[in-house]
Amino acid sequence: MNCEYLLVDGYNIIHAWPELKELAAVNLDAARTSLQDTLCNYQGYKKCQVIVVFDGYKVKGNPGTVVPYHNIHVVFTKEAETADQYIEKVTQQMDRHYSVAVATSDKLEQIIILGKGAMRLSAQDLKKEIRETNAEIKKEHLERTVSKKNWLFDHVDPQLLEYLEDIRLHGRKDE
């Protein structure tokens, strides 16, 4: 998937991915952090702007916050604003100028964001995309590393190497 912005419905994804849902049952903050870390890795490779949105609408007096988390943005919506409402508003504002994708398994939300011109990813589509991206990263960066020994003289300037070899074979030049 190629897009300039990826908006992620945070709690929707947490409750759709079994490993995060299980973690959230014990520690919701840990589940949020795990999702955010996963999205940071994805963003670092794909270079799209990632915004993960969490509902804050039930928190009395909540003004809403946007917090940088490594290389992504984390949004907690304001009181009386759901993640869906925030995503719809931002998608409409950005779609005129940017390629936008939204990750949510909320069927109604998918229809709305498609109507606004954004691409959609279900929670499982996002998981598959992340899994494929991780495989690409592994293939490109981890498997291409040659497993030969790293000798000091393999990386020495050729003139210096010649000078040192001359010293080795003929002794010191100033003797």
N, C-alpha and C. Protein backbone atom coordinates (compact mmCIF):
# COMPACT_ATOMS: atom_id res chain seq x y z
N MET A 1 0.84 -1.18 0.00
CA MET A 1 0.00 0.00 0.00
C MET A 1 0.89 1.24 0.00
N ASN A 2 0.61 2.12 -0.90
CA ASN A 2 1.35 3.38 -0.96
C ASN A 2 0.41 4.53 -0.66
N CYS A 3 0.70 5.23 0.41
CA CYS A 3 -0.09 6.40 0.76
C CYS A 3 0.84 7.37 1.47
N GLU A 4 0.42 8.62 1.51
CA GLU A 4 1.20 9.61 2.22
C GLU A 4 0.84 9.65 3.71
N TYR A 5 -0.43 9.35 4.01
CA TYR A 5 -0.90 9.34 5.39
C TYR A 5 -1.69 8.06 5.66
N LEU A 6 -1.40 7.46 6.82
CA LEU A 6 -2.15 6.31 7.29
C LEU A 6 -2.77 6.68 8.64
N LEU A 7 -4.10 6.70 8.70
CA LEU A 7 -4.82 6.96 9.94
C LEU A 7 -5.28 5.61 10.48
N VAL A 8 -5.00 5.36 11.75
CA VAL A 8 -5.30 4.08 12.36
C VAL A 8 -6.27 4.28 13.52
N ASP A 9 -7.39 3.57 13.49
CA ASP A 9 -8.35 3.58 14.61
C ASP A 9 -7.76 2.64 15.67
N GLY A 10 -7.07 3.22 16.64
CA GLY A 10 -6.28 2.46 17.60
C GLY A 10 -7.02 1.38 18.36
N TYR A 11 -8.12 1.72 19.02
CA TYR A 11 -8.82 0.71 19.81
C TYR A 11 -9.49 -0.33 18.92
N ASN A 12 -9.91 0.06 17.74
CA ASN A 12 -10.50 -0.90 16.81
C ASN A 12 -9.47 -1.96 16.44
N ILE A 13 -8.25 -1.54 16.16
CA ILE A 13 -7.18 -2.48 15.80
C ILE A 13 -6.81 -3.34 17.02
N ILE A 14 -6.68 -2.72 18.18
CA ILE A 14 -6.34 -3.48 19.39
C ILE A 14 -7.35 -4.59 19.64
N HIS A 15 -8.62 -4.30 19.47
CA HIS A 15 -9.65 -5.31 19.74
C HIS A 15 -9.82 -6.31 18.61
N ALA A 16 -9.23 -6.02 17.44
CA ALA A 16 -9.31 -6.94 16.30
C ALA A 16 -8.12 -7.89 16.20
N TRP A 17 -6.99 -7.52 16.79
CA TRP A 17 -5.81 -8.38 16.75
C TRP A 17 -5.77 -9.19 18.04
N PRO A 18 -5.87 -10.51 17.96
CA PRO A 18 -5.96 -11.35 19.17
C PRO A 18 -4.85 -11.10 20.19
N GLU A 19 -3.61 -10.94 19.74
CA GLU A 19 -2.51 -10.75 20.69
C GLU A 19 -2.63 -9.43 21.44
N LEU A 20 -3.13 -8.38 20.77
CA LEU A 20 -3.32 -7.09 21.43
C LEU A 20 -4.58 -7.09 22.29
N LYS A 21 -5.60 -7.78 21.84
CA LYS A 21 -6.84 -7.88 22.62
C LYS A 21 -6.57 -8.58 23.95
N GLU A 22 -5.77 -9.64 23.87
CA GLU A 22 -5.41 -10.39 25.09
C GLU A 22 -4.58 -9.51 26.03
N LEU A 23 -3.64 -8.77 25.47
CA LEU A 23 -2.81 -7.87 26.27
C LEU A 23 -3.65 -6.75 26.88
N ALA A 24 -4.60 -6.22 26.10
CA ALA A 24 -5.46 -5.13 26.58
C ALA A 24 -6.32 -5.57 27.76
N ALA A 25 -6.69 -6.84 27.79
CA ALA A 25 -7.50 -7.35 28.91
C ALA A 25 -6.73 -7.26 30.22
N VAL A 26 -5.40 -7.33 30.13
CA VAL A 26 -4.53 -7.26 31.31
C VAL A 26 -4.03 -5.84 31.54
N ASN A 27 -3.61 -5.16 30.44
CA ASN A 27 -3.00 -3.85 30.56
C ASN A 27 -3.23 -3.07 29.26
N LEU A 28 -4.21 -2.20 29.24
CA LEU A 28 -4.57 -1.45 28.04
C LEU A 28 -3.42 -0.56 27.58
N ASP A 29 -2.71 0.05 28.52
CA ASP A 29 -1.58 0.91 28.16
C ASP A 29 -0.50 0.12 27.42
N ALA A 30 -0.24 -1.09 27.87
CA ALA A 30 0.76 -1.95 27.21
C ALA A 30 0.30 -2.31 25.79
N ALA A 31 -0.99 -2.55 25.61
CA ALA A 31 -1.51 -2.86 24.28
C ALA A 31 -1.36 -1.66 23.35
N ARG A 32 -1.67 -0.46 23.87
CA ARG A 32 -1.48 0.76 23.06
C ARG A 32 -0.01 0.92 22.66
N THR A 33 0.88 0.73 23.63
CA THR A 33 2.31 0.89 23.35
C THR A 33 2.79 -0.14 22.34
N SER A 34 2.32 -1.36 22.45
CA SER A 34 2.70 -2.40 21.49
C SER A 34 2.25 -2.04 20.08
N LEU A 35 1.02 -1.58 19.95
CA LEU A 35 0.52 -1.14 18.64
C LEU A 35 1.35 0.02 18.11
N GLN A 36 1.62 1.00 18.96
CA GLN A 36 2.40 2.17 18.55
C GLN A 36 3.80 1.75 18.10
N ASP A 37 4.44 0.84 18.81
CA ASP A 37 5.78 0.38 18.42
C ASP A 37 5.73 -0.32 17.06
N THR A 38 4.72 -1.14 16.86
CA THR A 38 4.55 -1.83 15.57
C THR A 38 4.38 -0.82 14.45
N LEU A 39 3.58 0.21 14.69
CA LEU A 39 3.35 1.23 13.67
C LEU A 39 4.60 2.08 13.43
N CYS A 40 5.41 2.29 14.45
CA CYS A 40 6.68 3.02 14.29
C CYS A 40 7.61 2.27 13.34
N ASN A 41 7.72 0.97 13.53
CA ASN A 41 8.56 0.16 12.64
C ASN A 41 8.06 0.23 11.21
N TYR A 42 6.75 0.11 11.05
CA TYR A 42 6.13 0.18 9.73
C TYR A 42 6.42 1.53 9.08
N GLN A 43 6.20 2.61 9.83
CA GLN A 43 6.43 3.95 9.30
C GLN A 43 7.89 4.15 8.89
N GLY A 44 8.80 3.63 9.70
CA GLY A 44 10.22 3.80 9.40
C GLY A 44 10.62 3.21 8.07
N TYR A 45 9.95 2.17 7.66
CA TYR A 45 10.27 1.53 6.38
C TYR A 45 9.45 2.11 5.24
N LYS A 46 8.17 2.33 5.46
CA LYS A 46 7.27 2.79 4.39
C LYS A 46 7.33 4.30 4.17
N LYS A 47 7.76 5.04 5.16
CA LYS A 47 7.93 6.50 5.07
C LYS A 47 6.62 7.27 4.89
N CYS A 48 5.48 6.67 5.19
CA CYS A 48 4.23 7.41 5.18
C CYS A 48 4.03 8.00 6.58
N GLN A 49 3.24 9.03 6.68
CA GLN A 49 2.95 9.62 7.98
C GLN A 49 1.87 8.77 8.65
N VAL A 50 2.14 8.30 9.86
CA VAL A 50 1.19 7.46 10.57
C VAL A 50 0.59 8.25 11.74
N ILE A 51 -0.73 8.23 11.80
CA ILE A 51 -1.46 8.87 12.90
C ILE A 51 -2.38 7.82 13.50
N VAL A 52 -2.13 7.45 14.75
CA VAL A 52 -2.99 6.49 15.43
C VAL A 52 -3.91 7.27 16.34
N VAL A 53 -5.21 6.97 16.25
CA VAL A 53 -6.23 7.74 16.96
C VAL A 53 -6.92 6.85 17.99
N PHE A 54 -6.93 7.33 19.24
CA PHE A 54 -7.62 6.64 20.33
C PHE A 54 -8.77 7.50 20.82
N ASP A 55 -9.88 6.85 21.13
CA ASP A 55 -11.03 7.55 21.69
C ASP A 55 -10.69 8.16 23.04
N GLY A 56 -11.05 9.42 23.22
CA GLY A 56 -10.94 10.06 24.53
C GLY A 56 -12.26 10.73 24.86
N TYR A 57 -13.31 10.38 24.11
CA TYR A 57 -14.58 11.09 24.21
C TYR A 57 -15.30 10.91 25.54
N LYS A 58 -15.01 9.85 26.28
CA LYS A 58 -15.68 9.61 27.56
C LYS A 58 -14.98 10.29 28.74
N VAL A 59 -13.83 10.88 28.49
CA VAL A 59 -13.06 11.51 29.56
C VAL A 59 -13.56 12.93 29.76
N LYS A 60 -14.18 13.17 30.90
CA LYS A 60 -14.79 14.46 31.22
C LYS A 60 -13.74 15.58 31.16
N GLY A 61 -14.04 16.63 30.43
CA GLY A 61 -13.15 17.79 30.35
C GLY A 61 -11.91 17.57 29.50
N ASN A 62 -11.82 16.46 28.80
CA ASN A 62 -10.65 16.14 27.98
C ASN A 62 -10.56 17.08 26.78
N PRO A 63 -9.47 17.85 26.68
CA PRO A 63 -9.33 18.77 25.56
C PRO A 63 -8.83 18.09 24.28
N GLY A 64 -8.42 16.82 24.40
CA GLY A 64 -7.81 16.13 23.26
C GLY A 64 -6.33 16.45 23.20
N THR A 65 -5.55 15.49 22.76
CA THR A 65 -4.11 15.72 22.66
C THR A 65 -3.55 15.03 21.42
N VAL A 66 -2.49 15.62 20.90
CA VAL A 66 -1.70 15.01 19.83
C VAL A 66 -0.29 14.92 20.37
N VAL A 67 0.21 13.69 20.47
CA VAL A 67 1.50 13.46 21.08
C VAL A 67 2.43 12.78 20.08
N PRO A 68 3.63 13.32 19.88
CA PRO A 68 4.58 12.58 19.04
C PRO A 68 5.08 11.35 19.80
N TYR A 69 5.13 10.24 19.12
CA TYR A 69 5.66 9.01 19.71
C TYR A 69 6.68 8.48 18.71
N HIS A 70 7.93 8.69 18.98
CA HIS A 70 9.03 8.37 18.06
C HIS A 70 8.74 9.03 16.71
N ASN A 71 8.42 8.23 15.68
CA ASN A 71 8.23 8.77 14.34
C ASN A 71 6.76 8.79 13.89
N ILE A 72 5.83 8.61 14.83
CA ILE A 72 4.40 8.66 14.49
C ILE A 72 3.71 9.69 15.40
N HIS A 73 2.44 9.94 15.12
CA HIS A 73 1.64 10.84 15.95
C HIS A 73 0.53 10.03 16.60
N VAL A 74 0.29 10.29 17.88
CA VAL A 74 -0.76 9.62 18.63
C VAL A 74 -1.77 10.68 19.04
N VAL A 75 -3.02 10.44 18.68
CA VAL A 75 -4.10 11.38 18.99
C VAL A 75 -5.05 10.73 19.99
N PHE A 76 -5.37 11.48 21.06
CA PHE A 76 -6.45 11.11 21.96
C PHE A 76 -7.52 12.16 21.72
N THR A 77 -8.68 11.73 21.24
CA THR A 77 -9.72 12.68 20.87
C THR A 77 -10.24 13.43 22.09
N LYS A 78 -10.86 14.57 21.82
CA LYS A 78 -11.41 15.39 22.90
C LYS A 78 -12.73 14.81 23.41
N GLU A 79 -13.18 15.36 24.52
CA GLU A 79 -14.46 14.94 25.09
C GLU A 79 -15.56 15.07 24.04
N ALA A 80 -16.42 14.06 23.97
CA ALA A 80 -17.56 14.01 23.05
C ALA A 80 -17.15 13.84 21.59
N GLU A 81 -15.90 13.48 21.30
CA GLU A 81 -15.46 13.22 19.93
C GLU A 81 -14.90 11.80 19.88
N THR A 82 -15.47 10.98 19.01
CA THR A 82 -14.97 9.61 18.86
C THR A 82 -13.79 9.58 17.89
N ALA A 83 -13.09 8.48 17.91
CA ALA A 83 -12.00 8.29 16.95
C ALA A 83 -12.56 8.33 15.53
N ASP A 84 -13.73 7.73 15.33
CA ASP A 84 -14.35 7.73 14.00
C ASP A 84 -14.61 9.16 13.52
N GLN A 85 -15.15 9.99 14.39
CA GLN A 85 -15.43 11.38 14.02
C GLN A 85 -14.15 12.12 13.66
N TYR A 86 -13.11 11.91 14.46
CA TYR A 86 -11.83 12.57 14.21
C TYR A 86 -11.26 12.11 12.86
N ILE A 87 -11.28 10.79 12.63
CA ILE A 87 -10.73 10.23 11.39
C ILE A 87 -11.50 10.76 10.18
N GLU A 88 -12.82 10.82 10.27
CA GLU A 88 -13.64 11.34 9.16
C GLU A 88 -13.28 12.79 8.86
N LYS A 89 -13.15 13.60 9.90
CA LYS A 89 -12.85 15.03 9.74
C LYS A 89 -11.47 15.21 9.10
N VAL A 90 -10.48 14.52 9.63
CA VAL A 90 -9.11 14.66 9.11
C VAL A 90 -9.01 14.11 7.69
N THR A 91 -9.67 12.99 7.44
CA THR A 91 -9.65 12.40 6.09
C THR A 91 -10.21 13.38 5.07
N GLN A 92 -11.30 14.01 5.42
CA GLN A 92 -11.91 14.97 4.50
C GLN A 92 -10.98 16.16 4.26
N GLN A 93 -10.32 16.64 5.30
CA GLN A 93 -9.42 17.79 5.15
C GLN A 93 -8.17 17.43 4.34
N MET A 94 -7.65 16.22 4.54
CA MET A 94 -6.40 15.83 3.89
C MET A 94 -6.58 15.31 2.47
N ASP A 95 -7.72 14.71 2.21
CA ASP A 95 -7.92 14.01 0.95
C ASP A 95 -7.76 14.92 -0.27
N ARG A 96 -8.03 16.16 -0.10
CA ARG A 96 -7.90 17.08 -1.24
C ARG A 96 -6.45 17.24 -1.68
N HIS A 97 -5.51 16.99 -0.78
CA HIS A 97 -4.11 17.27 -1.07
C HIS A 97 -3.19 16.05 -0.95
N TYR A 98 -3.64 14.99 -0.27
CA TYR A 98 -2.77 13.86 0.01
C TYR A 98 -3.46 12.53 -0.26
N SER A 99 -2.65 11.51 -0.43
CA SER A 99 -3.15 10.14 -0.53
C SER A 99 -3.30 9.62 0.90
N VAL A 100 -4.55 9.26 1.27
CA VAL A 100 -4.85 8.88 2.65
C VAL A 100 -5.41 7.46 2.68
N ALA A 101 -4.97 6.68 3.66
CA ALA A 101 -5.54 5.36 3.93
C ALA A 101 -5.97 5.34 5.39
N VAL A 102 -7.04 4.60 5.66
CA VAL A 102 -7.56 4.48 7.02
C VAL A 102 -7.64 3.00 7.37
N ALA A 103 -7.09 2.65 8.53
CA ALA A 103 -7.14 1.26 9.01
C ALA A 103 -8.18 1.16 10.11
N THR A 104 -9.27 0.44 9.81
CA THR A 104 -10.34 0.17 10.77
C THR A 104 -11.16 -1.00 10.24
N SER A 105 -11.72 -1.77 11.14
CA SER A 105 -12.63 -2.84 10.73
C SER A 105 -14.08 -2.46 10.94
N ASP A 106 -14.32 -1.22 11.31
CA ASP A 106 -15.67 -0.72 11.49
C ASP A 106 -16.27 -0.53 10.09
N LYS A 107 -17.26 -1.37 9.74
CA LYS A 107 -17.82 -1.38 8.39
C LYS A 107 -18.42 -0.03 7.99
N LEU A 108 -19.17 0.59 8.89
CA LEU A 108 -19.77 1.89 8.59
C LEU A 108 -18.68 2.92 8.35
N GLU A 109 -17.65 2.89 9.17
CA GLU A 109 -16.53 3.83 9.02
C GLU A 109 -15.84 3.62 7.67
N GLN A 110 -15.67 2.38 7.26
CA GLN A 110 -15.05 2.09 5.97
C GLN A 110 -15.84 2.70 4.83
N ILE A 111 -17.17 2.58 4.88
CA ILE A 111 -18.02 3.15 3.84
C ILE A 111 -17.88 4.67 3.80
N ILE A 112 -17.87 5.28 4.98
CA ILE A 112 -17.77 6.74 5.06
C ILE A 112 -16.44 7.23 4.50
N ILE A 113 -15.34 6.60 4.90
CA ILE A 113 -14.03 7.09 4.43
C ILE A 113 -13.83 6.80 2.94
N LEU A 114 -14.40 5.70 2.45
CA LEU A 114 -14.35 5.46 1.00
C LEU A 114 -15.08 6.57 0.25
N GLY A 115 -16.22 7.01 0.81
CA GLY A 115 -16.97 8.11 0.22
C GLY A 115 -16.21 9.42 0.23
N LYS A 116 -15.27 9.55 1.13
CA LYS A 116 -14.45 10.77 1.22
C LYS A 116 -13.19 10.65 0.37
N GLY A 117 -13.03 9.51 -0.32
CA GLY A 117 -11.91 9.35 -1.25
C GLY A 117 -10.68 8.69 -0.67
N ALA A 118 -10.74 8.22 0.56
CA ALA A 118 -9.57 7.57 1.16
C ALA A 118 -9.58 6.07 0.85
N MET A 119 -8.43 5.46 0.93
CA MET A 119 -8.32 4.00 0.83
C MET A 119 -8.65 3.42 2.19
N ARG A 120 -9.06 2.18 2.24
CA ARG A 120 -9.38 1.55 3.52
C ARG A 120 -8.59 0.26 3.68
N LEU A 121 -8.27 -0.01 4.92
CA LEU A 121 -7.64 -1.28 5.30
C LEU A 121 -8.41 -1.81 6.50
N SER A 122 -8.78 -3.06 6.45
CA SER A 122 -9.37 -3.67 7.64
C SER A 122 -8.23 -3.94 8.62
N ALA A 123 -8.57 -4.31 9.83
CA ALA A 123 -7.54 -4.64 10.83
C ALA A 123 -6.67 -5.79 10.31
N GLN A 124 -7.29 -6.77 9.67
CA GLN A 124 -6.53 -7.91 9.16
C GLN A 124 -5.67 -7.51 7.95
N ASP A 125 -6.18 -6.60 7.12
CA ASP A 125 -5.39 -6.08 5.99
C ASP A 125 -4.13 -5.37 6.51
N LEU A 126 -4.31 -4.56 7.57
CA LEU A 126 -3.17 -3.85 8.16
C LEU A 126 -2.17 -4.84 8.73
N LYS A 127 -2.66 -5.85 9.41
CA LYS A 127 -1.77 -6.87 9.98
C LYS A 127 -0.97 -7.56 8.88
N LYS A 128 -1.66 -7.91 7.78
CA LYS A 128 -0.99 -8.55 6.64
C LYS A 128 0.05 -7.61 6.03
N GLU A 129 -0.32 -6.35 5.86
CA GLU A 129 0.60 -5.34 5.32
C GLU A 129 1.85 -5.21 6.19
N ILE A 130 1.66 -5.19 7.49
CA ILE A 130 2.79 -5.08 8.42
C ILE A 130 3.65 -6.35 8.37
N ARG A 131 3.01 -7.50 8.32
CA ARG A 131 3.74 -8.78 8.23
C ARG A 131 4.59 -8.81 6.95
N GLU A 132 4.01 -8.40 5.82
CA GLU A 132 4.74 -8.37 4.54
C GLU A 132 5.88 -7.36 4.58
N THR A 133 5.64 -6.22 5.21
CA THR A 133 6.68 -5.19 5.33
C THR A 133 7.84 -5.72 6.18
N ASN A 134 7.52 -6.39 7.29
CA ASN A 134 8.57 -6.96 8.13
C ASN A 134 9.38 -8.00 7.37
N ALA A 135 8.72 -8.78 6.52
CA ALA A 135 9.44 -9.78 5.70
C ALA A 135 10.37 -9.08 4.70
N GLU A 136 9.90 -7.97 4.11
CA GLU A 136 10.75 -7.19 3.19
C GLU A 136 11.97 -6.64 3.92
N ILE A 137 11.74 -6.10 5.10
CA ILE A 137 12.84 -5.54 5.90
C ILE A 137 13.87 -6.64 6.18
N LYS A 138 13.39 -7.77 6.62
CA LYS A 138 14.28 -8.89 6.93
C LYS A 138 15.07 -9.31 5.70
N LYS A 139 14.38 -9.44 4.58
CA LYS A 139 15.04 -9.87 3.35
C LYS A 139 16.08 -8.86 2.88
N GLU A 140 15.71 -7.58 2.88
CA GLU A 140 16.61 -6.55 2.36
C GLU A 140 17.78 -6.24 3.27
N HIS A 141 17.56 -6.29 4.58
CA HIS A 141 18.59 -5.81 5.48
C HIS A 141 19.29 -6.90 6.28
N LEU A 142 18.57 -7.91 6.67
CA LEU A 142 19.19 -8.92 7.51
C LEU A 142 19.80 -10.05 6.70
N GLU A 143 19.13 -10.46 5.63
CA GLU A 143 19.61 -11.59 4.86
C GLU A 143 20.67 -11.22 3.85
N ARG A 144 20.79 -9.95 3.52
CA ARG A 144 21.81 -9.58 2.53
C ARG A 144 23.19 -9.41 3.17
N THR A 145 23.25 -9.41 4.49
CA THR A 145 24.53 -9.28 5.17
C THR A 145 25.36 -10.52 4.90
N VAL A 146 26.54 -10.31 4.37
CA VAL A 146 27.42 -11.41 4.06
C VAL A 146 28.01 -11.93 5.36
N SER A 147 28.04 -13.23 5.49
CA SER A 147 28.49 -13.81 6.76
C SER A 147 29.97 -14.14 6.75
N LYS A 148 30.78 -13.32 6.08
CA LYS A 148 32.22 -13.55 6.13
C LYS A 148 32.80 -12.74 7.29
N LYS A 149 33.98 -13.10 7.67
CA LYS A 149 34.61 -12.37 8.77
C LYS A 149 34.94 -10.96 8.32
N ASN A 150 34.94 -10.06 9.25
CA ASN A 150 35.21 -8.67 8.98
C ASN A 150 36.64 -8.36 9.42
N TRP A 151 37.57 -8.42 8.48
CA TRP A 151 38.97 -8.18 8.79
C TRP A 151 39.29 -6.71 8.65
N LEU A 152 40.14 -6.21 9.53
CA LEU A 152 40.52 -4.81 9.52
C LEU A 152 41.06 -4.39 8.16
N PHE A 153 41.93 -5.18 7.57
CA PHE A 153 42.58 -4.78 6.33
C PHE A 153 41.67 -4.88 5.10
N ASP A 154 40.47 -5.42 5.26
CA ASP A 154 39.51 -5.44 4.16
C ASP A 154 38.96 -4.04 3.89
N HIS A 155 39.12 -3.13 4.84
CA HIS A 155 38.51 -1.81 4.72
C HIS A 155 39.53 -0.68 4.80
N VAL A 156 40.79 -0.98 4.61
CA VAL A 156 41.85 0.02 4.69
C VAL A 156 42.06 0.65 3.32
N ASP A 157 42.38 1.93 3.32
CA ASP A 157 42.70 2.64 2.10
C ASP A 157 43.82 1.88 1.36
N PRO A 158 43.69 1.67 0.04
CA PRO A 158 44.68 0.89 -0.71
C PRO A 158 46.12 1.40 -0.59
N GLN A 159 46.31 2.73 -0.55
CA GLN A 159 47.67 3.27 -0.41
C GLN A 159 48.26 2.92 0.95
N LEU A 160 47.44 3.03 2.00
CA LEU A 160 47.91 2.68 3.34
C LEU A 160 48.22 1.19 3.40
N LEU A 161 47.39 0.38 2.79
CA LEU A 161 47.62 -1.06 2.77
C LEU A 161 48.94 -1.39 2.08
N GLU A 162 49.21 -0.73 0.97
CA GLU A 162 50.46 -0.95 0.25
C GLU A 162 51.65 -0.54 1.11
N TYR A 163 51.55 0.60 1.80
CA TYR A 163 52.60 1.09 2.68
C TYR A 163 52.86 0.10 3.81
N LEU A 164 51.80 -0.39 4.44
CA LEU A 164 51.94 -1.34 5.54
C LEU A 164 52.52 -2.67 5.05
N GLU A 165 52.11 -3.09 3.88
CA GLU A 165 52.63 -4.34 3.31
C GLU A 165 54.12 -4.20 3.00
N ASP A 166 54.53 -3.04 2.52
CA ASP A 166 55.94 -2.78 2.25
C ASP A 166 56.76 -2.84 3.55
N ILE A 167 56.23 -2.28 4.61
CA ILE A 167 56.89 -2.34 5.92
C ILE A 167 56.99 -3.79 6.38
N ARG A 168 55.92 -4.53 6.22
CA ARG A 168 55.91 -5.93 6.65
C ARG A 168 56.97 -6.75 5.91
N LEU A 169 57.09 -6.51 4.61
CA LEU A 169 58.00 -7.31 3.80
C LEU A 169 59.47 -6.83 3.87
N HIS A 170 59.66 -5.54 4.01
CA HIS A 170 61.02 -4.99 3.92
C HIS A 170 61.50 -4.31 5.19
N GLY A 171 60.73 -4.34 6.21
CA GLY A 171 61.14 -3.69 7.46
C GLY A 171 60.81 -2.22 7.42
N ARG A 172 61.14 -1.54 8.51
CA ARG A 172 60.83 -0.12 8.63
C ARG A 172 61.63 0.69 7.61
N LYS A 173 61.03 1.71 7.05
CA LYS A 173 61.67 2.53 6.02
C LYS A 173 62.69 3.48 6.60
N ASP A 174 62.56 3.83 7.88
CA ASP A 174 63.47 4.80 8.45
C ASP A 174 64.64 4.11 9.16
N GLU A 175 64.80 2.80 9.03
CA GLU A 175 65.92 2.09 9.65
C GLU A 175 67.17 2.21 8.84
